[in-house]
Amino acid sequence: YLQTVSCFLLITGGETTTDIDALCNLATGRTITQSSTIGTWLGQQAIDFNPGFIQPSSSCSSTDIQTNPWWRVDLRYIYRVSRVVITNRLDCCPERINGAEIRIGNSLENNGNNNPICAVISSIPAGVSSTYTCNNMDGRYVSLFIPGDSTILTLCEVEVYGEGSCILSTVNNSPHKMHLFLTLNHVQPHQ
């Protein structure tokens, strides 16, 4: 089954309809795997909603120095991914993201690092979040992979967004009502 997710906020009672895709981070609560871990820099910390600006060792992920380091999120279903947002660390070492490939697909061959490329990150300034458009690539796995020897992959936040509409909640905000819509169509992997 193919699963597409999209969110938008419809504000009624006024004259404005606003699209807010940013509310549907598909990586939230998902299983993370990374090629190695240095100290307390666990892979799961890259999806904890904390960009690590105060204490990166408890809120960012980092591999040890190695050949071809990688980080991967299992979205559990196949989604049509529209964009990936990466936040780089603020305190030091922003070059540790340079050359990272964002890969999206359904294969775990080579730890998912043979899946199609969404984008290659040339660099992200310290403490900055950069958005990479993936043109609705289908995939269950989203990986970041740096090819090369003696490299470290450090990620402070990874967000994965999809597109697609069912009502999640209604919030009353006088004098307007806000409705959050989300569409979920999923493809179940073959057993």
Protein backbone atom coordinates (compact mmCIF):
# COMPACT_ATOMS: atom_id res chain seq x y z
CA TYR A 1 0.00 0.00 0.00
CA LEU A 2 1.25 3.49 -0.75
CA GLN A 3 0.91 5.92 2.15
CA THR A 4 0.86 9.64 1.47
CA VAL A 5 0.51 12.17 4.24
CA SER A 6 -0.23 15.84 4.02
CA CYS A 7 -1.48 18.35 6.50
CA PHE A 8 -3.06 21.68 6.13
CA LEU A 9 -4.75 24.05 8.47
CA LEU A 10 -8.05 25.45 7.29
CA ILE A 11 -9.05 28.61 9.11
CA THR A 12 -12.76 29.28 8.81
CA GLY A 13 -14.62 32.36 9.86
CA GLY A 14 -12.15 34.54 8.02
CA GLU A 15 -11.07 34.80 4.44
CA THR A 16 -7.82 32.80 4.62
CA THR A 17 -6.91 29.17 3.98
CA THR A 18 -3.34 28.33 4.94
CA ASP A 19 -1.36 25.21 4.01
CA ILE A 20 0.80 23.98 6.85
CA ASP A 21 2.67 20.87 5.72
CA ALA A 22 5.10 21.29 8.63
CA LEU A 23 2.73 19.61 11.09
CA CYS A 24 3.26 16.10 9.68
CA ASN A 25 6.76 14.97 10.56
CA LEU A 26 6.72 11.31 9.47
CA ALA A 27 9.91 10.50 11.41
CA THR A 28 8.32 11.22 14.80
CA GLY A 29 8.38 8.18 17.06
CA ARG A 30 9.92 5.91 14.41
CA THR A 31 12.80 3.46 14.72
CA ILE A 32 16.27 4.88 14.12
CA THR A 33 19.44 2.98 13.26
CA GLN A 34 22.90 4.43 12.74
CA SER A 35 26.19 2.85 11.71
CA SER A 36 27.94 3.58 15.03
CA THR A 37 27.43 5.80 18.05
CA ILE A 38 29.96 7.95 19.84
CA GLY A 39 29.29 8.33 23.57
CA THR A 40 25.73 9.42 24.31
CA TRP A 41 25.03 10.76 20.78
CA LEU A 42 22.21 8.27 20.10
CA GLY A 43 20.50 8.06 16.70
CA GLN A 44 17.05 8.60 18.23
CA GLN A 45 18.10 12.07 19.40
CA ALA A 46 17.91 13.33 15.80
CA ILE A 47 14.09 13.07 15.95
CA ASP A 48 13.47 14.37 19.49
CA PHE A 49 12.25 17.90 18.55
CA ASN A 50 15.31 19.31 20.33
CA PRO A 51 17.88 20.83 17.96
CA GLY A 52 20.61 20.57 20.60
CA PHE A 53 21.57 24.20 20.81
CA ILE A 54 22.09 24.02 24.60
CA GLN A 55 23.63 20.56 25.05
CA PRO A 56 24.17 18.71 21.76
CA SER A 57 25.48 15.49 23.34
CA SER A 58 22.04 14.80 24.81
CA SER A 59 19.95 15.93 21.83
CA CYS A 60 21.94 15.31 18.63
CA SER A 61 23.10 12.06 17.06
CA SER A 62 26.62 11.30 15.93
CA THR A 63 28.49 8.36 14.55
CA ASP A 64 32.05 7.59 15.53
CA ILE A 65 34.77 8.37 13.01
CA GLN A 66 34.50 5.67 10.33
CA THR A 67 34.23 4.82 6.65
CA ASN A 68 30.81 5.56 5.10
CA PRO A 69 28.84 6.62 8.22
CA TRP A 70 25.05 6.52 7.94
CA TRP A 71 21.80 7.20 9.85
CA ARG A 72 18.38 5.78 8.91
CA VAL A 73 14.74 6.16 9.95
CA ASP A 74 12.21 3.38 9.28
CA LEU A 75 8.86 5.09 8.56
CA ARG A 76 7.12 1.64 8.91
CA TYR A 77 5.09 2.22 5.75
CA ILE A 78 5.86 3.42 2.26
CA TYR A 79 5.24 7.17 2.04
CA ARG A 80 5.47 9.67 -0.78
CA VAL A 81 8.13 11.96 0.69
CA SER A 82 7.99 15.59 -0.40
CA ARG A 83 10.83 17.06 1.65
CA VAL A 84 13.42 16.43 4.33
CA VAL A 85 14.59 19.10 6.78
CA ILE A 86 18.02 18.76 8.41
CA THR A 87 19.21 20.86 11.37
CA ASN A 88 22.96 21.15 11.86
CA ARG A 89 24.67 21.50 15.21
CA LEU A 90 25.41 24.99 16.53
CA ASP A 91 28.36 24.59 18.91
CA CYS A 92 31.02 23.28 16.52
CA CYS A 93 31.85 21.03 13.60
CA PRO A 94 29.17 22.07 11.08
CA GLU A 95 31.27 20.42 8.36
CA ARG A 96 30.29 16.98 9.66
CA ILE A 97 27.17 17.12 7.46
CA ASN A 98 29.05 18.09 4.29
CA GLY A 99 28.60 15.63 1.44
CA ALA A 100 25.79 13.70 3.11
CA GLU A 101 23.39 12.03 0.68
CA ILE A 102 19.70 11.90 1.55
CA ARG A 103 18.40 8.59 0.21
CA ILE A 104 14.80 7.40 0.09
CA GLY A 105 13.49 3.97 -0.87
CA ASN A 106 12.32 0.53 0.21
CA SER A 107 15.57 -1.44 0.19
CA LEU A 108 17.84 -2.23 3.11
CA GLU A 109 20.60 -3.31 0.75
CA ASN A 110 23.83 -1.67 1.96
CA ASN A 111 21.83 -0.41 4.99
CA GLY A 112 19.48 1.55 2.69
CA ASN A 113 22.37 3.50 1.21
CA ASN A 114 21.74 2.17 -2.31
CA ASN A 115 18.26 3.72 -2.43
CA PRO A 116 17.67 6.64 -4.82
CA ILE A 117 19.16 10.02 -3.87
CA CYS A 118 16.83 12.89 -2.96
CA ALA A 119 19.66 15.39 -2.45
CA VAL A 120 23.31 15.80 -1.59
CA ILE A 121 24.06 18.26 1.22
CA SER A 122 26.99 20.45 0.22
CA SER A 123 26.97 22.24 3.60
CA ILE A 124 24.61 23.63 6.23
CA PRO A 125 25.77 26.55 8.42
CA ALA A 126 26.02 25.92 12.17
CA GLY A 127 22.61 25.89 13.86
CA VAL A 128 20.67 26.23 10.61
CA SER A 129 17.80 24.06 9.33
CA SER A 130 17.88 23.38 5.58
CA THR A 131 15.03 21.94 3.51
CA TYR A 132 15.64 19.48 0.68
CA THR A 133 12.84 18.87 -1.83
CA CYS A 134 12.39 15.18 -2.70
CA ASN A 135 9.72 15.49 -5.42
CA ASN A 136 7.38 12.90 -3.89
CA MET A 137 9.85 10.02 -3.80
CA ASP A 138 8.28 6.77 -2.55
CA GLY A 139 9.97 5.00 0.32
CA ARG A 140 9.83 3.39 3.72
CA TYR A 141 13.43 4.24 4.64
CA VAL A 142 15.07 7.67 4.73
CA SER A 143 18.84 7.55 5.14
CA LEU A 144 21.65 10.04 5.43
CA PHE A 145 24.96 8.65 4.25
CA ILE A 146 28.42 10.20 3.83
CA PRO A 147 30.61 8.24 1.43
CA GLY A 148 34.29 8.34 2.34
CA ASP A 149 36.97 7.38 4.84
CA SER A 150 37.46 8.78 8.33
CA THR A 151 34.24 10.78 8.46
CA ILE A 152 31.67 11.52 11.16
CA LEU A 153 27.94 12.09 10.58
CA THR A 154 26.33 14.41 13.14
CA LEU A 155 22.61 15.27 12.97
CA CYS A 156 20.77 17.51 15.42
CA GLU A 157 17.31 17.17 13.89
CA VAL A 158 15.86 15.28 10.94
CA GLU A 159 12.29 15.91 9.81
CA VAL A 160 10.57 13.97 7.02
CA TYR A 161 7.38 15.29 5.41
CA GLY A 162 4.86 13.75 3.05
CA GLU A 163 1.74 14.92 1.32
CA GLY A 164 -1.84 13.98 0.98
CA SER A 165 -6.59 14.67 3.97
CA CYS A 166 -8.83 13.22 7.20
CA ILE A 167 -9.68 15.47 10.12
CA LEU A 168 -7.39 15.02 13.12
CA SER A 169 -8.68 17.70 15.40
CA THR A 170 -10.60 20.91 15.66
CA VAL A 171 -9.39 23.81 17.75
CA ASN A 172 -11.71 26.66 18.63
CA ASN A 173 -9.89 29.95 18.44
CA SER A 174 -12.32 32.81 18.62
CA PRO A 175 -13.42 34.34 16.34
CA HIS A 176 -12.08 31.68 13.92
CA LYS A 177 -12.23 27.90 13.97
CA MET A 178 -9.13 25.99 12.89
CA HIS A 179 -9.35 22.48 11.46
CA LEU A 180 -6.30 20.28 10.98
CA PHE A 181 -6.64 17.89 8.04
CA LEU A 182 -4.50 14.87 7.30
CA THR A 183 -4.77 12.29 4.55
CA LEU A 184 -3.35 8.84 5.07
CA ASN A 185 -3.27 6.34 2.25
CA HIS A 186 -0.77 3.61 2.91
CA VAL A 187 0.88 0.75 1.12
CA GLN A 188 1.42 -2.23 3.35
CA PRO A 189 4.71 -4.03 2.67
CA HIS A 190 4.41 -7.60 1.38
CA GLN A 191 4.83 -10.14 4.15
